[in-house]
C-alpha atoms as a PDB file:
ATOM      1  CA  MET A   1       0.000   0.000   0.000  1.00  0.00           C
ATOM      2  CA  CYS A   2       1.334   3.434  -0.886  1.00  0.00           C
ATOM      3  CA  ARG A   3       0.974   6.117   1.730  1.00  0.00           C
ATOM      4  CA  ILE A   4       0.970   9.716   0.634  1.00  0.00           C
ATOM      5  CA  ARG A   5       1.270  12.542   3.120  1.00  0.00           C
ATOM      6  CA  VAL A   6      -0.941  15.512   2.292  1.00  0.00           C
ATOM      7  CA  THR A   7       0.174  18.604   4.125  1.00  0.00           C
ATOM      8  CA  TYR A   8      -1.851  21.654   5.028  1.00  0.00           C
ATOM      9  CA  GLY A   9      -2.097  24.050   2.099  1.00  0.00           C
ATOM     10  CA  MET A  10      -1.319  21.499  -0.628  1.00  0.00           C
ATOM     11  CA  GLN A  11      -3.079  22.454  -3.839  1.00  0.00           C
ATOM     12  CA  SER A  12      -5.550  20.137  -5.551  1.00  0.00           C
ATOM     13  CA  ALA A  13      -3.466  20.250  -8.752  1.00  0.00           C
ATOM     14  CA  GLN A  14      -0.584  18.686  -6.829  1.00  0.00           C
ATOM     15  CA  LEU A  15      -2.905  15.956  -5.561  1.00  0.00           C
ATOM     16  CA  LYS A  16      -4.139  15.202  -9.100  1.00  0.00           C
ATOM     17  CA  GLU A  17      -0.528  14.976 -10.256  1.00  0.00           C
ATOM     18  CA  ILE A  18       0.302  12.510  -7.470  1.00  0.00           C
ATOM     19  CA  ARG A  19      -2.749  10.389  -8.308  1.00  0.00           C
ATOM     20  CA  ALA A  20      -1.824  10.344 -11.994  1.00  0.00           C
ATOM     21  CA  GLU A  21       1.601   8.899 -11.174  1.00  0.00           C
ATOM     22  CA  LEU A  22       0.133   5.943  -9.290  1.00  0.00           C
ATOM     23  CA  PRO A  23      -0.830   2.772 -11.176  1.00  0.00           C
ATOM     24  CA  ASP A  24      -4.564   2.091 -11.335  1.00  0.00           C
ATOM     25  CA  GLU A  25      -4.304  -1.204  -9.499  1.00  0.00           C
ATOM     26  CA  ALA A  26      -2.229   0.264  -6.668  1.00  0.00           C
ATOM     27  CA  ARG A  27      -3.888   0.486  -3.280  1.00  0.00           C
ATOM     28  CA  TRP A  28      -3.272   3.848  -1.698  1.00  0.00           C
ATOM     29  CA  SER A  29      -4.600   6.127   0.952  1.00  0.00           C
ATOM     30  CA  PHE A  30      -4.144   9.733   1.930  1.00  0.00           C
ATOM     31  CA  CYS A  31      -2.974  10.788   5.375  1.00  0.00           C
ATOM     32  CA  SER A  32      -4.010  14.391   5.924  1.00  0.00           C
ATOM     33  CA  GLN A  33      -2.451  16.874   8.275  1.00  0.00           C
ATOM     34  CA  GLN A  34      -4.382  19.919   9.344  1.00  0.00           C
ATOM     35  CA  LYS A  35      -2.853  23.207  10.294  1.00  0.00           C
ATOM     36  CA  PRO A  36      -1.670  22.870  13.923  1.00  0.00           C
ATOM     37  CA  GLY A  37      -4.257  24.074  16.430  1.00  0.00           C
ATOM     38  CA  THR A  38      -7.186  23.709  14.016  1.00  0.00           C
ATOM     39  CA  ASN A  39     -10.410  22.215  15.438  1.00  0.00           C
ATOM     40  CA  VAL A  40      -8.666  21.029  18.599  1.00  0.00           C
ATOM     41  CA  ALA A  41     -11.790  21.049  20.786  1.00  0.00           C
ATOM     42  CA  GLN A  42     -13.842  19.218  18.158  1.00  0.00           C
ATOM     43  CA  LYS A  43     -11.152  16.575  17.687  1.00  0.00           C
ATOM     44  CA  ALA A  44     -10.810  16.033  21.433  1.00  0.00           C
ATOM     45  CA  GLY A  45     -14.553  15.464  21.790  1.00  0.00           C
ATOM     46  CA  LEU A  46     -14.619  13.126  18.800  1.00  0.00           C
ATOM     47  CA  ASN A  47     -11.624  11.156  20.044  1.00  0.00           C
ATOM     48  CA  ARG A  48     -13.189  10.843  23.486  1.00  0.00           C
ATOM     49  CA  SER A  49     -16.461   9.530  22.073  1.00  0.00           C
ATOM     50  CA  ILE A  50     -14.656   7.050  19.817  1.00  0.00           C
ATOM     51  CA  LEU A  51     -12.661   5.722  22.748  1.00  0.00           C
ATOM     52  CA  ASP A  52     -15.705   5.558  25.021  1.00  0.00           C
ATOM     53  CA  ALA A  53     -17.776   3.597  22.515  1.00  0.00           C
ATOM     54  CA  GLY A  54     -14.928   1.711  20.898  1.00  0.00           C
ATOM     55  CA  TRP A  55     -13.279   0.038  23.904  1.00  0.00           C
ATOM     56  CA  GLY A  56     -16.537  -0.971  25.558  1.00  0.00           C
ATOM     57  CA  GLN A  57     -17.811  -2.498  22.357  1.00  0.00           C
ATOM     58  CA  PHE A  58     -14.449  -4.163  21.689  1.00  0.00           C
ATOM     59  CA  ARG A  59     -14.471  -5.745  25.144  1.00  0.00           C
ATOM     60  CA  SER A  60     -18.031  -7.050  24.647  1.00  0.00           C
ATOM     61  CA  ILE A  61     -17.166  -8.600  21.287  1.00  0.00           C
ATOM     62  CA  LEU A  62     -13.921 -10.068  22.644  1.00  0.00           C
ATOM     63  CA  THR A  63     -15.758 -11.578  25.620  1.00  0.00           C
ATOM     64  CA  GLY A  64     -18.331 -13.159  23.312  1.00  0.00           C
ATOM     65  CA  LYS A  65     -15.692 -14.554  20.961  1.00  0.00           C
ATOM     66  CA  GLY A  66     -13.745 -15.927  23.910  1.00  0.00           C
ATOM     67  CA  GLU A  67     -16.819 -17.696  25.262  1.00  0.00           C
ATOM     68  CA  GLU A  68     -17.510 -19.207  21.830  1.00  0.00           C
ATOM     69  CA  ALA A  69     -13.949 -20.536  21.747  1.00  0.00           C
ATOM     70  CA  GLY A  70     -14.108 -21.767  25.344  1.00  0.00           C
ATOM     71  CA  ARG A  71     -11.716 -19.089  26.624  1.00  0.00           C
ATOM     72  CA  THR A  72     -11.955 -16.759  29.601  1.00  0.00           C
ATOM     73  CA  LEU A  73     -11.367 -13.030  29.317  1.00  0.00           C
ATOM     74  CA  ILE A  74      -9.729 -11.553  32.402  1.00  0.00           C
ATOM     75  CA  ALA A  75      -9.762  -7.759  32.590  1.00  0.00           C
ATOM     76  CA  VAL A  76      -6.578  -6.415  34.176  1.00  0.00           C
ATOM     77  CA  ASP A  77      -5.949  -2.855  35.308  1.00  0.00           C
ATOM     78  CA  PRO A  78      -2.841  -1.844  33.316  1.00  0.00           C
ATOM     79  CA  ARG A  79      -1.852   1.018  35.639  1.00  0.00           C
ATOM     80  CA  TYR A  80       1.807   0.935  36.684  1.00  0.00           C
ATOM     81  CA  THR A  81       2.541  -2.264  34.722  1.00  0.00           C
ATOM     82  CA  SER A  82       5.047  -0.364  32.584  1.00  0.00           C
ATOM     83  CA  GLN A  83       6.811   0.962  35.704  1.00  0.00           C
ATOM     84  CA  THR A  84       6.852  -2.266  37.742  1.00  0.00           C
ATOM     85  CA  CYS A  85       9.880  -4.559  37.644  1.00  0.00           C
ATOM     86  CA  LEU A  86       8.963  -8.105  36.666  1.00  0.00           C
ATOM     87  CA  VAL A  87      11.792  -9.556  38.766  1.00  0.00           C
ATOM     88  CA  CYS A  88      11.641  -7.672  42.082  1.00  0.00           C
ATOM     89  CA  GLY A  89       8.279  -5.822  41.877  1.00  0.00           C
ATOM     90  CA  HIS A  90       9.832  -2.380  42.429  1.00  0.00           C
ATOM     91  CA  VAL A  91       7.599   0.418  41.076  1.00  0.00           C
ATOM     92  CA  GLU A  92       9.372   3.547  39.886  1.00  0.00           C
ATOM     93  CA  THR A  93       8.468   6.099  37.208  1.00  0.00           C
ATOM     94  CA  ASN A  94      12.089   6.288  36.059  1.00  0.00           C
ATOM     95  CA  ASN A  95      12.319   2.519  35.490  1.00  0.00           C
ATOM     96  CA  ARG A  96      10.962   3.051  31.983  1.00  0.00           C
ATOM     97  CA  ILE A  97      12.632   5.347  29.497  1.00  0.00           C
ATOM     98  CA  ASN A  98      10.985   5.099  26.064  1.00  0.00           C
ATOM     99  CA  ALA A  99      11.237   1.475  24.873  1.00  0.00           C
ATOM    100  CA  VAL A 100      13.757   0.366  27.499  1.00  0.00           C
ATOM    101  CA  PHE A 101      12.857  -0.903  30.956  1.00  0.00           C
ATOM    102  CA  ARG A 102      15.715  -0.778  33.451  1.00  0.00           C
ATOM    103  CA  CYS A 103      14.930  -1.421  37.121  1.00  0.00           C
ATOM    104  CA  LEU A 104      16.666   1.080  39.360  1.00  0.00           C
ATOM    105  CA  LYS A 105      16.564  -1.345  42.299  1.00  0.00           C
ATOM    106  CA  CYS A 106      17.709  -4.731  40.942  1.00  0.00           C
ATOM    107  CA  GLY A 107      19.099  -3.779  37.514  1.00  0.00           C
ATOM    108  CA  HIS A 108      16.736  -6.006  35.495  1.00  0.00           C
ATOM    109  CA  GLU A 109      16.668  -4.841  31.864  1.00  0.00           C
ATOM    110  CA  ALA A 110      14.136  -5.712  29.145  1.00  0.00           C
ATOM    111  CA  HIS A 111      12.077  -4.200  26.379  1.00  0.00           C
ATOM    112  CA  ALA A 112       9.475  -2.030  28.127  1.00  0.00           C
ATOM    113  CA  ASP A 113       6.498  -3.562  26.285  1.00  0.00           C
ATOM    114  CA  THR A 114       7.654  -7.100  27.074  1.00  0.00           C
ATOM    115  CA  ASN A 115       8.058  -6.231  30.740  1.00  0.00           C
ATOM    116  CA  SER A 116       4.554  -4.672  30.816  1.00  0.00           C
ATOM    117  CA  ALA A 117       2.991  -7.639  29.018  1.00  0.00           C
ATOM    118  CA  CYS A 118       4.569 -10.065  31.491  1.00  0.00           C
ATOM    119  CA  ASN A 119       3.283  -7.975  34.406  1.00  0.00           C
ATOM    120  CA  ILE A 120      -0.231  -7.956  32.934  1.00  0.00           C
ATOM    121  CA  LEU A 121      -0.050 -11.740  32.420  1.00  0.00           C
ATOM    122  CA  ARG A 122       1.134 -12.236  36.014  1.00  0.00           C
ATOM    123  CA  VAL A 123      -1.739 -10.135  37.394  1.00  0.00           C
ATOM    124  CA  GLY A 124      -4.258 -11.916  35.168  1.00  0.00           C
ATOM    125  CA  LEU A 125      -3.072 -15.368  36.203  1.00  0.00           C
ATOM    126  CA  ALA A 126      -3.186 -14.331  39.864  1.00  0.00           C
ATOM    127  CA  ARG A 127      -6.778 -13.141  39.469  1.00  0.00           C
ATOM    128  CA  LEU A 128      -7.660 -16.378  37.697  1.00  0.00           C
ATOM    129  CA  ALA A 129      -6.131 -18.461  40.500  1.00  0.00           C
ATOM    130  CA  THR A 130      -8.110 -16.608  43.177  1.00  0.00           C
ATOM    131  CA  SER A 131     -11.359 -16.863  41.204  1.00  0.00           C
ATOM    132  CA  GLY A 132     -11.091 -20.649  40.830  1.00  0.00           C
ATOM    133  CA  SER A 133     -11.863 -20.688  37.079  1.00  0.00           C
ATOM    134  CA  ASP A 134     -10.176 -23.019  34.597  1.00  0.00           C
ATOM    135  CA  VAL A 135      -8.003 -21.869  31.706  1.00  0.00           C
ATOM    136  CA  ALA A 136      -9.022 -23.371  28.409  1.00  0.00           C
END
């Protein structure tokens, strides 16, 4: 897929020229950028409503699909999972710097997303063990 960046103020003649250069069978999409600061309040409200409706609906669909497949969905609060050390459990804001997790207490080092995912899995399995449900 070709991605073409359309910047604020780009003329329609330039867009027609770009389209003409692409083969007919090519799949492409436009990524638009608005002038900074334009429609900020409207975008914030729209984004909020998408997130409100989207995640709740996603969770309902995922729960239903899991039940059909004989799986259990365990909701886990993700707060502080990116700042918690998987090895020693130390929670510190400065443990995570961008994509690197480095525990300031024990020195454990890992990719930040991997560390967070393992923490979420650990919390989920602990909740499952206390609830007495089976894992399919």
